[in-house]
Amino acid sequence: MRSLVQILAPKWRTALTRFKQGQGGSSKALVIGTVGLVFWLAVFGVLYRVLSYFRGVEEIGPLLAGKLLSLVLLSFLSILLLSNVITALSSFFLAKDLDLLVASPTDWLNIYLAKLGETLIHSSWMVALMAVPIFSAYGVIYDGGWLFGFYSMVVLLPMLVLPAVGGSAIALILVNGCPARRTRDLLSVIAIGAAGGVVLLFRIVRPEQLARPEGFQNLLDFITVLRTPTSPLLPSEWATDALMGYLVGPLDWIPLLMLWSTAAACVVLGALLHVALYPTGFTKAQEGAERFIKGWVWRSILDPLFKPLSVAKREFVIKDLKLFFRDTTQWSQLILLGVLVVIYLFNIRALPLFTGERVPFFLVTVVSFLNLGLAGFVLSAIAARFVFPAISLEGRQMWLLRSSPLDLRALLWSKYWVGTVPLLILALIITVFTNVILKATPFMMAVGVGTIVLLTLAISAMALGFGALYPQFETENAAQIPTSFGGLVFMMTTVALLAAVIVVEAIPVYGYLEAIYQGRPVRIDATMVAAFAGVVAICGVATVVPLKVGLKKMEGFEF
C-alpha cells in the first residue's frame, strides 16, 4: 500500500500545484461550480417531473421508473466501456512516466492498480457527476432518505470498476496484437463507430414509447415488457435491482453482492492478465505508427486547390489539414458527427406534426424558428471539438511561429477558414433539410439560412478566439481541450449569443405570424428591418472582436 501511494502521489501533487499556480484559480472554480450546479438542477428538475408523474401511476409507476433507470445505467455502462478502452491505451502504454516506473523495482501489482485507478478517474468522473442529480431525484421522489446517498455510492462504485477493468484488459490484448499507437488509431475509429451505432440504436428503438401504453395491443403486453429485464446478465440490471429494491422494496442484497463480487473477481483476473501480457505489450508499444498519407499525395491534391492563396496562407492551411488527418482521434470524430446529424434529422422527422391530423400553421412555424437555436447549439458543440483546440494543438512549436517572420494574421486566418468552411456546409445541410422536412414557408427558409450563416461565422470566430485566450499547449489528448475552463466559457458565451439572436429575431417572426393570422400581406416594415439589422450587428461583433482579441493574445505568447 505504501508503494502504491508513492506512485500516485506525483499525479496528485502535480494536479494540486497546477490548480494553485493557475491564474484565477478560485474564480475558475467558482464559475465551474456555478455552471455545474445549474446543470445539476436542470437534470434534477426534468427527472423530478418525470418521476413524479410515474409515481402517480398506480401499479406500473415503479416499473416505469425502474425501466428508465435501467436504460440510463445501461447507457452509462456502454459509454464507460468505450471510454476506458481508449484511456487505458494512454495510461498503461503511452504515458510519459511509464519509462521510469517499468524500469524501477516497483511491484507489478502496484503499477497495475495505480494505472487502473488513473484510467477509472479519467474515464468515469463525468459519468459519476451525471449520476448525482439522477440518483438524487430518485431518492427524493421515493423517500429514500439520507442513507440512500451512501447506498447509491456503494452501488455505483463497482459499476465504475467493472468497465475500467474490462477496458484495460481489452487494451492489453489489442496492444499485444499490434503496437499501441496503431491500435489507438484503429480503436478510435471502432469506438466512434460503436458509440454512434449505440446512439442510433437507441433512437430507432425509441425507449420513450414505454411511457405511451396506447402503442401496445393491450395492457398485459405493456406490463410484460416493463417486468422483463432489459439486460439480466449485465451489471446495469443488477444496479437497477439494488437501487429500486431499496426505494420501493423488497430490499434484496443479492444484486449488490453480485456487483461487488464480480468487480473483485474482475480486478483479480485483470491483474493476472496484466502480469502475463504487460511486459510484451509495453515493448511493442514503443514502436511507431505508420503514416496516414504520403507527402506527395497531399501535394498533388491540395496544391492546385489552394494555389490562389498566398504562400504563407497556403502552407498554413495544408499544415492544418495534414495534422487533422494524421491524428486519428481527430478525423475519426467525423464518423460520430455523421451519425449525430442523421439522428438530428431523424428526430425532426419523428415530430408528430404531420401524422394525418391538421396541425396549425403557427406550430410548424414556431418549431421551424426554434430549430435555429437547436441547430446553433449543435454547431457550438462541434466548434468546441474541432475549432476551439486549433491553437492549443500547435503545442510547444508555437514558439517557432512566434519567433519567425511569419505573419500571425495568416496563421489565424487559415485556422479560421479551415474550421469555418466545413462548419458552414454542415450548418446549411442541417438547416435546409430540417426546414424541408418541416415544410417551412419561403420566409422562414430565408430567415433560417441567413441566420445560420451569420451564427456559423460568429461561433467559429468565438471558438478560435477563446481557444487563443485559454490555450492548453501541454495537453496529450485533443479530446480533453474542449472540457477545460476555456471550453466552458466558450459554450456559455455561445449560449448567450444564441439567446440574443433568437430574442431579437422573435420580433419579425411574430409580426409575420400576426400578419398571416389576420390575413394581411406580409410587409417589410421598419421594425423588421431594424431587428434583422440588429442580428447582423450582433453576429458581426461576435465575429470580429474574438478574432482581434485572439490575435493580440497570440502576439503576446511567451514560452
Protein backbone atom coordinates (compact mmCIF):
# COMPACT_ATOMS: atom_id res chain seq x y z
CA MET A 1 0.00 0.00 0.00
CA ARG A 2 2.87 2.39 0.79
CA SER A 3 4.43 1.77 -2.62
CA LEU A 4 1.08 2.36 -4.31
CA VAL A 5 0.69 5.68 -2.51
CA GLN A 6 4.18 6.72 -3.64
CA ILE A 7 3.25 6.01 -7.26
CA LEU A 8 0.04 8.01 -7.05
CA ALA A 9 1.50 10.94 -5.05
CA PRO A 10 3.22 12.72 -8.01
CA LYS A 11 -0.01 12.78 -10.01
CA TRP A 12 -1.95 14.29 -7.12
CA ARG A 13 0.74 16.85 -6.29
CA THR A 14 1.07 17.90 -9.94
CA ALA A 15 -2.67 18.44 -10.29
CA LEU A 16 -2.81 20.38 -7.00
CA THR A 17 0.17 22.57 -7.95
CA ARG A 18 -1.28 23.40 -11.37
CA PHE A 19 -4.55 24.41 -9.75
CA LYS A 20 -2.81 26.64 -7.19
CA GLN A 21 -0.45 28.27 -9.70
CA GLY A 22 -3.12 28.80 -12.35
CA GLN A 23 -4.29 32.36 -12.77
CA GLY A 24 -7.68 32.96 -11.24
CA GLY A 25 -7.89 29.51 -9.72
CA SER A 26 -10.63 30.48 -7.26
CA SER A 27 -12.64 32.35 -9.89
CA LYS A 28 -12.40 29.39 -12.27
CA ALA A 29 -13.60 27.06 -9.53
CA LEU A 30 -16.49 29.45 -8.81
CA VAL A 31 -17.55 29.59 -12.46
CA ILE A 32 -17.26 25.83 -12.95
CA GLY A 33 -19.12 25.18 -9.70
CA THR A 34 -21.92 27.58 -10.65
CA VAL A 35 -22.36 26.10 -14.11
CA GLY A 36 -22.22 22.57 -12.70
CA LEU A 37 -24.84 23.42 -10.09
CA VAL A 38 -27.16 24.90 -12.73
CA PHE A 39 -26.72 21.79 -14.86
CA TRP A 40 -27.43 19.52 -11.89
CA LEU A 41 -30.55 21.48 -11.04
CA ALA A 42 -31.76 21.27 -14.65
CA VAL A 43 -31.28 17.49 -14.82
CA PHE A 44 -32.81 17.07 -11.38
CA GLY A 45 -35.81 19.22 -12.32
CA VAL A 46 -36.59 17.32 -15.51
CA LEU A 47 -36.21 13.92 -13.88
CA TYR A 48 -38.20 15.07 -10.85
CA ARG A 49 -41.16 15.93 -13.06
CA VAL A 50 -40.96 12.62 -14.92
CA LEU A 51 -40.66 10.52 -11.77
CA SER A 52 -43.46 12.47 -10.09
CA TYR A 53 -45.71 11.50 -12.97
CA PHE A 54 -44.57 7.87 -12.78
CA ARG A 55 -45.21 7.70 -9.05
CA GLY A 56 -48.75 8.93 -9.60
CA VAL A 57 -49.49 5.94 -11.84
CA GLU A 58 -50.71 3.03 -9.78
CA GLU A 59 -49.08 -0.40 -10.16
CA ILE A 60 -46.93 0.34 -13.22
CA GLY A 61 -45.34 3.58 -11.93
CA PRO A 62 -42.41 1.86 -10.15
CA LEU A 63 -41.96 -0.41 -13.17
CA LEU A 64 -41.64 2.61 -15.45
CA ALA A 65 -39.17 4.27 -13.07
CA GLY A 66 -37.12 1.08 -12.86
CA LYS A 67 -37.10 0.67 -16.65
CA LEU A 68 -35.94 4.27 -17.09
CA LEU A 69 -33.15 3.80 -14.53
CA SER A 70 -32.10 0.58 -16.25
CA LEU A 71 -31.80 2.34 -19.62
CA VAL A 72 -29.78 5.17 -18.05
CA LEU A 73 -27.36 2.78 -16.34
CA LEU A 74 -27.03 0.69 -19.50
CA SER A 75 -26.10 3.86 -21.40
CA PHE A 76 -23.55 4.70 -18.70
CA LEU A 77 -22.05 1.22 -18.94
CA SER A 78 -21.68 1.44 -22.73
CA ILE A 79 -20.07 4.87 -22.57
CA LEU A 80 -17.72 3.82 -19.78
CA LEU A 81 -16.50 0.72 -21.59
CA LEU A 82 -15.63 2.64 -24.77
CA SER A 83 -14.03 5.45 -22.82
CA ASN A 84 -11.94 3.13 -20.64
CA VAL A 85 -10.52 1.22 -23.60
CA ILE A 86 -9.17 4.38 -25.20
CA THR A 87 -7.98 5.86 -21.90
CA ALA A 88 -6.26 2.62 -20.91
CA LEU A 89 -4.10 2.76 -24.03
CA SER A 90 -2.67 6.08 -22.90
CA SER A 91 -2.47 5.25 -19.19
CA PHE A 92 -0.87 1.80 -19.48
CA PHE A 93 1.28 2.16 -22.60
CA LEU A 94 1.80 5.77 -23.76
CA ALA A 95 2.10 7.82 -20.54
CA LYS A 96 5.36 9.70 -20.00
CA ASP A 97 6.01 8.26 -16.52
CA LEU A 98 5.98 4.64 -17.69
CA ASP A 99 9.65 4.58 -18.69
CA LEU A 100 10.63 5.30 -15.09
CA LEU A 101 8.00 3.05 -13.50
CA VAL A 102 8.67 0.00 -15.65
CA ALA A 103 12.43 0.28 -15.18
CA SER A 104 12.11 0.67 -11.39
CA PRO A 105 11.86 -2.26 -8.93
CA THR A 106 8.22 -1.39 -8.27
CA ASP A 107 5.90 -4.35 -7.85
CA TRP A 108 3.85 -5.08 -11.00
CA LEU A 109 0.64 -5.21 -8.94
CA ASN A 110 1.15 -1.65 -7.69
CA ILE A 111 1.71 -0.39 -11.23
CA TYR A 112 -1.46 -2.15 -12.36
CA LEU A 113 -3.57 -0.76 -9.52
CA ALA A 114 -2.17 2.76 -9.95
CA LYS A 115 -2.80 2.84 -13.70
CA LEU A 116 -6.20 1.20 -13.25
CA GLY A 117 -7.19 3.92 -10.80
CA GLU A 118 -5.89 6.60 -13.16
CA THR A 119 -7.87 5.10 -16.03
CA LEU A 120 -11.02 4.88 -13.91
CA ILE A 121 -10.82 8.51 -12.77
CA HIS A 122 -10.13 9.97 -16.22
CA SER A 123 -12.90 7.92 -17.85
CA SER A 124 -15.58 7.95 -15.17
CA TRP A 125 -15.60 11.36 -13.49
CA MET A 126 -18.17 12.85 -15.85
CA VAL A 127 -20.50 9.85 -15.56
CA ALA A 128 -20.17 9.93 -11.76
CA LEU A 129 -21.12 13.62 -11.69
CA MET A 130 -24.03 12.98 -14.02
CA ALA A 131 -25.29 10.26 -11.70
CA VAL A 132 -25.58 12.68 -8.74
CA PRO A 133 -28.75 14.55 -9.86
CA ILE A 134 -30.26 11.33 -11.26
CA PHE A 135 -29.91 9.38 -8.01
CA SER A 136 -30.96 12.46 -6.03
CA ALA A 137 -34.22 12.70 -7.98
CA TYR A 138 -34.98 9.02 -7.33
CA GLY A 139 -34.16 9.41 -3.64
CA VAL A 140 -36.40 12.48 -3.22
CA ILE A 141 -39.39 11.12 -5.14
CA TYR A 142 -39.35 7.69 -3.47
CA ASP A 143 -38.36 8.94 0.01
CA GLY A 144 -35.01 7.19 0.09
CA GLY A 145 -33.74 9.26 2.99
CA TRP A 146 -30.21 10.50 3.58
CA LEU A 147 -28.89 6.92 3.71
CA PHE A 148 -29.84 6.45 0.07
CA GLY A 149 -26.96 8.73 -0.94
CA PHE A 150 -24.41 6.43 0.67
CA TYR A 151 -26.19 3.35 -0.63
CA SER A 152 -26.15 4.67 -4.20
CA MET A 153 -22.39 5.33 -3.92
CA VAL A 154 -21.90 1.73 -2.82
CA VAL A 155 -23.88 0.58 -5.86
CA LEU A 156 -22.18 2.95 -8.33
CA LEU A 157 -18.55 2.19 -7.38
CA PRO A 158 -18.42 -1.41 -8.66
CA MET A 159 -20.26 -0.25 -11.79
CA LEU A 160 -17.34 2.10 -12.45
CA VAL A 161 -14.70 -0.51 -11.64
CA LEU A 162 -16.06 -3.18 -13.99
CA PRO A 163 -15.76 -1.23 -17.28
CA ALA A 164 -12.36 0.11 -16.15
CA VAL A 165 -11.05 -3.43 -15.69
CA GLY A 166 -12.70 -4.61 -18.89
CA GLY A 167 -11.38 -1.68 -20.92
CA SER A 168 -7.85 -2.18 -19.56
CA ALA A 169 -7.96 -5.88 -20.42
CA ILE A 170 -9.20 -5.21 -23.96
CA ALA A 171 -6.47 -2.60 -24.48
CA LEU A 172 -3.84 -5.05 -23.17
CA ILE A 173 -4.96 -7.77 -25.58
CA LEU A 174 -5.06 -5.37 -28.53
CA VAL A 175 -1.60 -3.96 -27.84
CA ASN A 176 -0.13 -7.47 -27.78
CA GLY A 177 -1.57 -7.96 -31.26
CA CYS A 178 -0.16 -4.72 -32.71
CA PRO A 179 1.67 -1.60 -31.46
CA ALA A 180 -0.25 0.68 -29.15
CA ARG A 181 -0.06 3.69 -31.46
CA ARG A 182 -1.53 1.72 -34.35
CA THR A 183 -4.05 0.12 -32.01
CA ARG A 184 -5.21 3.53 -30.87
CA ASP A 185 -5.72 4.62 -34.47
CA LEU A 186 -7.81 1.54 -35.26
CA LEU A 187 -9.63 1.60 -31.95
CA SER A 188 -10.56 5.25 -32.28
CA VAL A 189 -12.46 4.51 -35.46
CA ILE A 190 -14.11 1.42 -33.97
CA ALA A 191 -15.04 3.22 -30.75
CA ILE A 192 -16.53 6.23 -32.51
CA GLY A 193 -18.49 3.97 -34.87
CA ALA A 194 -19.70 1.82 -31.98
CA ALA A 195 -20.75 4.86 -29.96
CA GLY A 196 -22.63 6.23 -32.94
CA GLY A 197 -24.26 2.86 -33.51
CA VAL A 198 -25.40 2.69 -29.88
CA VAL A 199 -26.91 6.17 -30.05
CA LEU A 200 -28.60 5.42 -33.38
CA LEU A 201 -29.93 2.13 -31.97
CA PHE A 202 -31.48 3.94 -29.02
CA ARG A 203 -33.20 6.35 -31.37
CA ILE A 204 -34.52 3.54 -33.57
CA VAL A 205 -35.77 1.59 -30.54
CA ARG A 206 -37.31 4.81 -29.15
CA PRO A 207 -37.49 3.82 -25.48
CA GLU A 208 -39.75 6.83 -24.80
CA GLN A 209 -42.61 4.72 -26.19
CA LEU A 210 -42.64 2.89 -22.86
CA ALA A 211 -44.42 5.94 -21.47
CA ARG A 212 -47.15 5.57 -24.13
CA PRO A 213 -49.08 2.36 -23.36
CA GLU A 214 -51.56 3.10 -26.16
CA GLY A 215 -48.88 1.86 -28.59
CA PHE A 216 -49.35 -1.71 -27.30
CA GLN A 217 -52.23 -4.05 -28.15
CA ASN A 218 -53.26 -4.46 -24.53
CA LEU A 219 -52.18 -3.58 -21.01
CA LEU A 220 -50.85 -7.08 -20.34
CA ASP A 221 -48.27 -6.76 -23.14
CA PHE A 222 -47.18 -3.40 -21.78
CA ILE A 223 -46.72 -4.71 -18.21
CA THR A 224 -44.89 -7.78 -19.54
CA VAL A 225 -42.37 -5.55 -21.31
CA LEU A 226 -41.90 -3.49 -18.16
CA ARG A 227 -41.30 -6.53 -15.97
CA THR A 228 -38.83 -8.13 -18.41
CA PRO A 229 -35.22 -7.25 -17.51
CA THR A 230 -33.51 -5.09 -20.11
CA SER A 231 -30.22 -6.98 -19.77
CA PRO A 232 -30.32 -9.57 -16.94
CA LEU A 233 -26.65 -10.56 -17.29
CA LEU A 234 -25.24 -7.03 -17.23
CA PRO A 235 -24.15 -5.09 -14.12
CA SER A 236 -26.54 -2.26 -15.03
CA GLU A 237 -29.51 -4.53 -14.35
CA TRP A 238 -28.06 -5.64 -11.01
CA ALA A 239 -27.55 -1.99 -10.03
CA THR A 240 -31.13 -1.19 -11.03
CA ASP A 241 -32.50 -4.04 -8.93
CA ALA A 242 -30.38 -2.98 -5.95
CA LEU A 243 -31.47 0.68 -6.13
CA MET A 244 -35.17 0.10 -6.85
CA GLY A 245 -35.30 -2.62 -4.21
CA TYR A 246 -34.05 -0.11 -1.64
CA LEU A 247 -36.57 2.55 -2.76
CA VAL A 248 -39.78 0.61 -3.39
CA GLY A 249 -38.98 -2.80 -1.95
CA PRO A 250 -38.48 -5.57 -1.35
CA LEU A 251 -34.87 -4.98 -0.40
CA ASP A 252 -32.64 -7.71 -1.87
CA TRP A 253 -28.92 -7.86 -1.11
CA ILE A 254 -28.13 -10.39 -3.84
CA PRO A 255 -27.76 -7.82 -6.70
CA LEU A 256 -25.38 -5.74 -4.57
CA LEU A 257 -23.33 -8.81 -3.67
CA MET A 258 -23.20 -9.80 -7.34
CA LEU A 259 -21.89 -6.34 -8.24
CA TRP A 260 -19.12 -6.32 -5.66
CA SER A 261 -18.09 -9.96 -6.06
CA THR A 262 -17.96 -9.61 -9.84
CA ALA A 263 -15.93 -6.40 -9.58
CA ALA A 264 -13.46 -8.02 -7.16
CA ALA A 265 -13.11 -11.12 -9.33
CA CYS A 266 -12.54 -9.00 -12.43
CA VAL A 267 -9.80 -6.99 -10.70
CA VAL A 268 -8.02 -10.24 -9.77
CA LEU A 269 -8.36 -11.64 -13.30
CA GLY A 270 -7.23 -8.33 -14.77
CA ALA A 271 -4.13 -8.36 -12.54
CA LEU A 272 -3.27 -11.91 -13.64
CA LEU A 273 -3.70 -10.93 -17.29
CA HIS A 274 -1.56 -7.86 -16.67
CA VAL A 275 1.40 -9.77 -15.24
CA ALA A 276 1.24 -12.28 -18.11
CA LEU A 277 0.93 -9.89 -21.07
CA TYR A 278 2.05 -6.44 -19.97
CA PRO A 279 5.85 -6.78 -20.47
CA THR A 280 5.40 -7.91 -24.07
CA GLY A 281 2.71 -5.32 -24.74
CA PHE A 282 4.76 -2.47 -23.30
CA THR A 283 7.70 -3.44 -25.51
CA LYS A 284 5.52 -3.41 -28.60
CA ALA A 285 4.04 -0.08 -27.58
CA GLN A 286 7.39 1.61 -28.16
CA GLU A 287 7.08 1.06 -31.91
CA GLY A 288 5.90 3.96 -34.05
CA ALA A 289 2.78 4.34 -36.12
CA GLU A 290 2.56 4.29 -39.90
CA ARG A 291 1.96 7.48 -41.84
CA PHE A 292 -1.62 8.12 -42.88
CA ILE A 293 -0.87 9.51 -46.36
CA LYS A 294 2.40 10.11 -48.19
CA GLY A 295 3.56 13.68 -48.68
CA TRP A 296 3.41 13.68 -52.47
CA VAL A 297 -0.25 12.62 -52.34
CA TRP A 298 -1.09 15.63 -50.18
CA ARG A 299 0.77 17.94 -52.54
CA SER A 300 -0.91 16.62 -55.67
CA ILE A 301 -4.37 17.06 -54.12
CA LEU A 302 -4.09 20.27 -52.13
CA ASP A 303 -1.61 22.43 -54.07
CA PRO A 304 -3.91 23.03 -57.08
CA LEU A 305 -6.86 23.65 -54.76
CA PHE A 306 -5.14 26.39 -52.73
CA LYS A 307 -2.97 27.83 -55.47
CA PRO A 308 -4.77 31.24 -55.49
CA LEU A 309 -3.76 31.84 -51.86
CA SER A 310 -0.54 33.46 -50.78
CA VAL A 311 2.37 31.19 -49.92
CA ALA A 312 2.07 31.65 -46.15
CA LYS A 313 -1.69 31.12 -46.05
CA ARG A 314 -1.49 28.11 -48.37
CA GLU A 315 1.20 26.41 -46.27
CA PHE A 316 -0.70 27.06 -43.04
CA VAL A 317 -3.90 25.58 -44.49
CA ILE A 318 -2.11 22.49 -45.81
CA LYS A 319 -0.31 22.04 -42.48
CA ASP A 320 -3.56 22.16 -40.51
CA LEU A 321 -5.25 19.67 -42.83
CA LYS A 322 -2.30 17.29 -42.59
CA LEU A 323 -2.26 17.45 -38.80
CA PHE A 324 -6.00 16.86 -38.68
CA PHE A 325 -5.95 13.71 -40.81
CA ARG A 326 -2.78 12.33 -39.24
CA ASP A 327 -4.40 12.31 -35.81
CA THR A 328 -6.96 9.53 -35.80
CA THR A 329 -8.57 10.81 -32.63
CA GLN A 330 -9.42 13.94 -34.64
CA TRP A 331 -10.70 12.75 -38.02
CA SER A 332 -12.44 9.69 -36.59
CA GLN A 333 -14.80 12.12 -34.85
CA LEU A 334 -16.29 12.74 -38.29
CA ILE A 335 -17.91 9.30 -38.06
CA LEU A 336 -19.73 10.24 -34.87
CA LEU A 337 -20.57 13.63 -36.38
CA GLY A 338 -22.27 11.96 -39.34
CA VAL A 339 -24.26 9.72 -37.00
CA LEU A 340 -25.36 12.71 -34.90
CA VAL A 341 -26.54 14.58 -38.00
CA VAL A 342 -28.60 11.55 -39.05
CA ILE A 343 -30.09 11.31 -35.53
CA TYR A 344 -30.85 15.04 -35.54
CA LEU A 345 -32.74 14.80 -38.84
CA PHE A 346 -34.43 11.60 -37.67
CA ASN A 347 -35.72 13.33 -34.53
CA ILE A 348 -37.07 16.24 -36.58
CA ARG A 349 -38.76 13.79 -38.91
CA ALA A 350 -40.25 11.92 -35.94
CA LEU A 351 -42.05 15.01 -34.60
CA PRO A 352 -45.81 14.38 -34.60
CA LEU A 353 -46.54 17.35 -36.88
CA PHE A 354 -47.71 15.54 -39.99
CA THR A 355 -49.46 12.41 -38.77
CA GLY A 356 -52.68 12.85 -40.73
CA GLU A 357 -54.23 15.43 -38.41
CA ARG A 358 -54.29 19.09 -39.36
CA VAL A 359 -51.52 20.86 -37.47
CA PRO A 360 -51.75 24.64 -37.02
CA PHE A 361 -49.52 26.65 -39.33
CA PHE A 362 -48.26 28.59 -36.31
CA LEU A 363 -46.98 25.48 -34.56
CA VAL A 364 -44.96 24.41 -37.60
CA THR A 365 -43.55 27.93 -37.96
CA VAL A 366 -42.60 28.15 -34.27
CA VAL A 367 -40.88 24.75 -34.40
CA SER A 368 -39.01 25.82 -37.53
CA PHE A 369 -37.90 29.04 -35.80
CA LEU A 370 -36.83 27.37 -32.56
CA ASN A 371 -34.93 24.82 -34.63
CA LEU A 372 -32.45 27.63 -35.33
CA GLY A 373 -31.46 27.72 -31.68
CA LEU A 374 -31.06 23.96 -31.50
CA ALA A 375 -29.02 23.86 -34.71
CA GLY A 376 -26.85 26.68 -33.37
CA PHE A 377 -26.21 24.74 -30.17
CA VAL A 378 -25.20 21.67 -32.21
CA LEU A 379 -22.78 23.83 -34.22
CA SER A 380 -21.36 25.24 -30.98
CA ALA A 381 -20.63 21.75 -29.67
CA ILE A 382 -18.94 20.81 -32.96
CA ALA A 383 -16.90 24.03 -32.97
CA ALA A 384 -15.82 23.32 -29.38
CA ARG A 385 -14.47 19.95 -30.50
CA PHE A 386 -12.78 20.94 -33.76
CA VAL A 387 -12.16 24.73 -33.86
CA PHE A 388 -11.53 25.58 -30.19
CA PRO A 389 -8.42 23.29 -29.88
CA ALA A 390 -6.83 24.65 -33.10
CA ILE A 391 -4.36 26.98 -31.31
CA SER A 392 -3.61 24.55 -28.49
CA LEU A 393 -2.74 21.77 -30.92
CA GLU A 394 0.28 23.78 -32.11
CA GLY A 395 1.85 22.73 -28.82
CA ARG A 396 5.32 23.84 -27.89
CA GLN A 397 6.11 24.57 -31.53
CA MET A 398 4.11 27.78 -31.23
CA TRP A 399 7.31 29.49 -30.09
CA LEU A 400 8.75 28.80 -33.55
CA LEU A 401 5.85 30.59 -35.17
CA ARG A 402 6.08 33.46 -32.69
CA SER A 403 9.82 33.97 -33.27
CA SER A 404 9.67 33.51 -37.06
CA PRO A 405 8.98 36.33 -39.54
CA LEU A 406 5.68 34.69 -40.50
CA ASP A 407 2.56 36.83 -40.06
CA LEU A 408 0.37 35.53 -37.26
CA ARG A 409 -2.64 37.00 -39.06
CA ALA A 410 -2.08 34.45 -41.82
CA LEU A 411 -1.98 31.68 -39.21
CA LEU A 412 -5.19 32.90 -37.57
CA TRP A 413 -6.86 33.39 -40.96
CA SER A 414 -6.02 29.85 -42.10
CA LYS A 415 -7.27 28.27 -38.89
CA TYR A 416 -10.47 30.29 -39.02
CA TRP A 417 -11.43 29.31 -42.55
CA VAL A 418 -10.26 25.71 -42.23
CA GLY A 419 -12.74 25.38 -39.37
CA THR A 420 -15.47 27.67 -40.73
CA VAL A 421 -15.96 26.29 -44.23
CA PRO A 422 -16.79 22.67 -43.16
CA LEU A 423 -18.89 24.03 -40.30
CA LEU A 424 -20.82 26.26 -42.70
CA ILE A 425 -21.51 23.38 -45.08
CA LEU A 426 -22.80 21.28 -42.17
CA ALA A 427 -24.94 24.19 -40.91
CA LEU A 428 -26.57 24.67 -44.30
CA ILE A 429 -27.26 20.94 -44.63
CA ILE A 430 -28.93 20.81 -41.21
CA THR A 431 -30.97 23.99 -41.72
CA VAL A 432 -32.15 23.33 -45.28
CA PHE A 433 -33.05 19.70 -44.69
CA THR A 434 -34.89 20.36 -41.42
CA ASN A 435 -36.88 23.19 -43.00
CA VAL A 436 -37.78 20.95 -45.93
CA ILE A 437 -38.88 18.22 -43.51
CA LEU A 438 -40.93 20.76 -41.54
CA LYS A 439 -42.40 22.20 -44.78
CA ALA A 440 -41.35 25.69 -43.78
CA THR A 441 -42.51 28.69 -45.80
CA PRO A 442 -40.09 30.60 -48.08
CA PHE A 443 -39.94 33.40 -45.50
CA MET A 444 -38.84 31.03 -42.71
CA MET A 445 -36.42 29.28 -45.09
CA ALA A 446 -34.76 32.60 -45.91
CA VAL A 447 -34.63 33.61 -42.23
CA GLY A 448 -33.20 30.24 -41.25
CA VAL A 449 -30.48 30.14 -43.92
CA GLY A 450 -29.41 33.76 -43.38
CA THR A 451 -29.32 33.44 -39.61
CA ILE A 452 -27.42 30.16 -39.57
CA VAL A 453 -24.75 31.59 -41.89
CA LEU A 454 -24.22 34.57 -39.57
CA LEU A 455 -24.22 32.32 -36.50
CA THR A 456 -21.69 29.95 -38.04
CA LEU A 457 -19.25 32.77 -38.82
CA ALA A 458 -19.63 34.12 -35.28
CA ILE A 459 -19.44 30.75 -33.50
CA SER A 460 -16.29 29.74 -35.38
CA ALA A 461 -14.63 33.09 -34.58
CA MET A 462 -15.57 32.79 -30.91
CA ALA A 463 -14.22 29.25 -30.73
CA LEU A 464 -10.89 30.32 -32.21
CA GLY A 465 -10.70 33.47 -30.07
CA PHE A 466 -11.43 31.68 -26.79
CA GLY A 467 -9.03 28.92 -27.83
CA ALA A 468 -6.28 31.54 -28.11
CA LEU A 469 -7.26 33.14 -24.78
CA TYR A 470 -7.19 29.80 -22.92
CA PRO A 471 -4.57 27.64 -24.68
CA GLN A 472 -3.62 24.15 -23.49
CA PHE A 473 -0.24 23.66 -25.15
CA GLU A 474 0.90 20.79 -22.93
CA THR A 475 -2.11 18.52 -23.38
CA GLU A 476 -1.54 14.99 -24.70
CA ASN A 477 -5.09 14.41 -25.86
CA ALA A 478 -7.05 16.83 -28.05
CA ALA A 479 -10.33 15.47 -26.66
CA GLN A 480 -9.51 16.96 -23.23
CA ILE A 481 -9.14 20.55 -24.53
CA PRO A 482 -12.87 21.33 -25.03
CA THR A 483 -13.63 20.23 -21.45
CA SER A 484 -11.21 22.79 -19.98
CA PHE A 485 -12.17 26.08 -18.35
CA GLY A 486 -11.82 27.94 -21.65
CA GLY A 487 -14.16 25.48 -23.36
CA LEU A 488 -16.73 26.02 -20.63
CA VAL A 489 -16.52 29.82 -21.02
CA PHE A 490 -16.86 29.47 -24.80
CA MET A 491 -20.00 27.35 -24.52
CA MET A 492 -21.56 29.76 -22.00
CA THR A 493 -20.85 32.73 -24.27
CA THR A 494 -22.20 30.89 -27.29
CA VAL A 495 -25.45 30.10 -25.48
CA ALA A 496 -25.77 33.81 -24.64
CA LEU A 497 -25.24 34.68 -28.32
CA LEU A 498 -27.89 32.20 -29.43
CA ALA A 499 -30.34 33.55 -26.87
CA ALA A 500 -29.75 37.15 -28.01
CA VAL A 501 -30.25 36.28 -31.69
CA ILE A 502 -33.41 34.27 -31.02
CA VAL A 503 -34.92 37.04 -28.86
CA VAL A 504 -34.21 39.75 -31.45
CA GLU A 505 -35.45 37.68 -34.38
CA ALA A 506 -38.60 36.77 -32.50
CA ILE A 507 -39.86 40.29 -33.22
CA PRO A 508 -40.08 39.97 -37.05
CA VAL A 509 -41.20 36.34 -36.82
CA TYR A 510 -44.05 37.37 -34.50
CA GLY A 511 -45.02 40.11 -36.95
CA TYR A 512 -45.01 37.56 -39.77
CA LEU A 513 -47.26 35.18 -37.81
CA GLU A 514 -49.60 38.03 -36.86
CA ALA A 515 -49.96 39.10 -40.50
CA ILE A 516 -50.74 35.53 -41.58
CA TYR A 517 -53.28 35.14 -38.77
CA GLN A 518 -55.10 38.35 -39.70
CA GLY A 519 -54.98 37.57 -43.39
CA ARG A 520 -52.85 40.60 -44.23
CA PRO A 521 -49.94 40.53 -46.69
CA VAL A 522 -46.52 40.29 -45.08
CA ARG A 523 -44.77 43.65 -45.32
CA ILE A 524 -41.19 44.52 -44.63
CA ASP A 525 -41.52 47.44 -42.22
CA ALA A 526 -39.03 49.42 -40.19
CA THR A 527 -39.33 47.11 -37.17
CA MET A 528 -38.48 44.03 -39.23
CA VAL A 529 -35.52 45.75 -40.89
CA ALA A 530 -34.23 47.01 -37.53
CA ALA A 531 -34.48 43.53 -35.97
CA PHE A 532 -32.60 41.83 -38.81
CA ALA A 533 -30.02 44.64 -38.78
CA GLY A 534 -29.60 44.04 -35.05
CA VAL A 535 -28.93 40.35 -35.67
CA VAL A 536 -26.33 41.24 -38.30
CA ALA A 537 -24.68 43.67 -35.89
CA ILE A 538 -24.63 41.16 -33.01
CA CYS A 539 -23.13 38.42 -35.16
CA GLY A 540 -20.68 40.88 -36.73
CA VAL A 541 -19.38 41.98 -33.34
CA ALA A 542 -19.21 38.34 -32.20
CA THR A 543 -17.11 37.57 -35.28
CA VAL A 544 -14.67 40.50 -35.37
CA VAL A 545 -13.97 41.05 -31.67
CA PRO A 546 -12.92 37.47 -30.76
CA LEU A 547 -10.56 37.30 -33.76
CA LYS A 548 -8.89 40.58 -32.81
CA VAL A 549 -8.60 39.59 -29.16
CA GLY A 550 -7.26 36.16 -30.12
CA LEU A 551 -4.64 37.70 -32.43
CA LYS A 552 -3.49 40.08 -29.70
CA LYS A 553 -3.21 37.18 -27.27
CA MET A 554 -1.16 35.15 -29.78
CA GLU A 555 1.22 38.04 -30.28
CA GLY A 556 1.84 38.10 -26.53
CA PHE A 557 2.55 34.37 -26.10
CA GLU A 558 5.69 33.71 -24.05
CA PHE A 559 7.47 30.37 -23.76
